[in-house]
C-alpha atoms as a PDB file:
ATOM      1  CA  UNK A   1    -100.451 -26.812 209.997  1.00  0.00           C
ATOM      2  CA  UNK A   2     -99.331 -30.697 210.215  1.00  0.00           C
ATOM      3  CA  UNK A   3    -100.997 -31.567 206.869  1.00  0.00           C
ATOM      4  CA  UNK A   4     -99.243 -28.441 204.972  1.00  0.00           C
ATOM      5  CA  UNK A   5     -95.944 -29.378 206.183  1.00  0.00           C
ATOM      6  CA  UNK A   6     -96.101 -26.917 209.045  1.00  0.00           C
ATOM      7  CA  UNK A   7     -96.770 -23.978 206.804  1.00  0.00           C
ATOM      8  CA  UNK A   8     -99.166 -21.585 208.728  1.00  0.00           C
ATOM      9  CA  UNK A   9     -99.681 -19.264 205.584  1.00  0.00           C
ATOM     10  CA  UNK A  10     -99.962 -15.682 205.776  1.00  0.00           C
ATOM     11  CA  UNK A  11    -101.445 -14.064 208.886  1.00  0.00           C
ATOM     12  CA  UNK A  12    -101.409 -10.443 210.573  1.00  0.00           C
ATOM     13  CA  UNK A  13    -100.073  -9.244 213.865  1.00  0.00           C
ATOM     14  CA  UNK A  14    -102.245 -10.472 216.637  1.00  0.00           C
ATOM     15  CA  UNK A  15    -104.172 -13.282 214.699  1.00  0.00           C
ATOM     16  CA  UNK A  16    -101.672 -16.008 216.362  1.00  0.00           C
ATOM     17  CA  UNK A  17    -100.239 -16.845 219.816  1.00  0.00           C
ATOM     18  CA  UNK A  18     -97.989 -14.175 221.143  1.00  0.00           C
ATOM     19  CA  UNK A  19     -94.727 -16.114 221.062  1.00  0.00           C
ATOM     20  CA  UNK A  20     -95.032 -16.569 217.560  1.00  0.00           C
ATOM     21  CA  UNK A  21     -95.909 -12.901 216.959  1.00  0.00           C
ATOM     22  CA  UNK A  22     -92.581 -11.759 218.692  1.00  0.00           C
ATOM     23  CA  UNK A  23     -90.533 -14.243 216.370  1.00  0.00           C
ATOM     24  CA  UNK A  24     -92.252 -13.559 213.283  1.00  0.00           C
ATOM     25  CA  UNK A  25     -92.975  -9.850 213.480  1.00  0.00           C
ATOM     26  CA  UNK A  26     -89.611  -9.018 215.240  1.00  0.00           C
ATOM     27  CA  UNK A  27     -86.960 -11.337 214.346  1.00  0.00           C
ATOM     28  CA  UNK A  28     -84.578 -11.707 211.117  1.00  0.00           C
ATOM     29  CA  UNK A  29     -86.267 -13.169 208.079  1.00  0.00           C
ATOM     30  CA  UNK A  30     -85.054 -16.328 206.545  1.00  0.00           C
ATOM     31  CA  UNK A  31     -83.558 -17.345 209.845  1.00  0.00           C
ATOM     32  CA  UNK A  32     -84.759 -20.320 211.782  1.00  0.00           C
ATOM     33  CA  UNK A  33     -85.590 -19.490 215.337  1.00  0.00           C
ATOM     34  CA  UNK A  34     -86.418 -21.503 218.456  1.00  0.00           C
ATOM     35  CA  UNK A  35     -87.505 -23.671 219.932  1.00  0.00           C
ATOM     36  CA  UNK A  36     -90.294 -21.506 220.772  1.00  0.00           C
ATOM     37  CA  UNK A  37     -92.753 -23.031 223.596  1.00  0.00           C
ATOM     38  CA  UNK A  38     -96.412 -22.313 223.271  1.00  0.00           C
ATOM     39  CA  UNK A  39     -99.592 -24.482 224.686  1.00  0.00           C
ATOM     40  CA  UNK A  40     -99.232 -26.463 221.579  1.00  0.00           C
ATOM     41  CA  UNK A  41     -95.819 -27.504 222.024  1.00  0.00           C
ATOM     42  CA  UNK A  42     -92.342 -26.575 220.938  1.00  0.00           C
ATOM     43  CA  UNK A  43     -91.659 -24.849 217.524  1.00  0.00           C
ATOM     44  CA  UNK A  44     -89.171 -23.994 215.111  1.00  0.00           C
ATOM     45  CA  UNK A  45     -90.144 -21.004 213.144  1.00  0.00           C
ATOM     46  CA  UNK A  46     -88.604 -19.618 209.707  1.00  0.00           C
ATOM     47  CA  UNK A  47     -90.351 -16.451 208.511  1.00  0.00           C
ATOM     48  CA  UNK A  48     -89.869 -16.376 204.607  1.00  0.00           C
ATOM     49  CA  UNK A  49     -91.022 -13.006 204.044  1.00  0.00           C
ATOM     50  CA  UNK A  50     -92.639  -9.881 205.617  1.00  0.00           C
ATOM     51  CA  UNK A  51     -95.191  -7.442 204.229  1.00  0.00           C
ATOM     52  CA  UNK A  52     -95.346  -3.725 205.652  1.00  0.00           C
END
């Protein structure tokens, strides 16, 4: 995602690491959450919108 400015694009539940799933599908939209630790490092996550 680094070459896209950190944008992961769209994905469905279960397509990414569990720590991301928890934030993206359960936390408030348009707020920054984190830091979230994964095997890839630490992340700040902002969900822009959610369908369904």
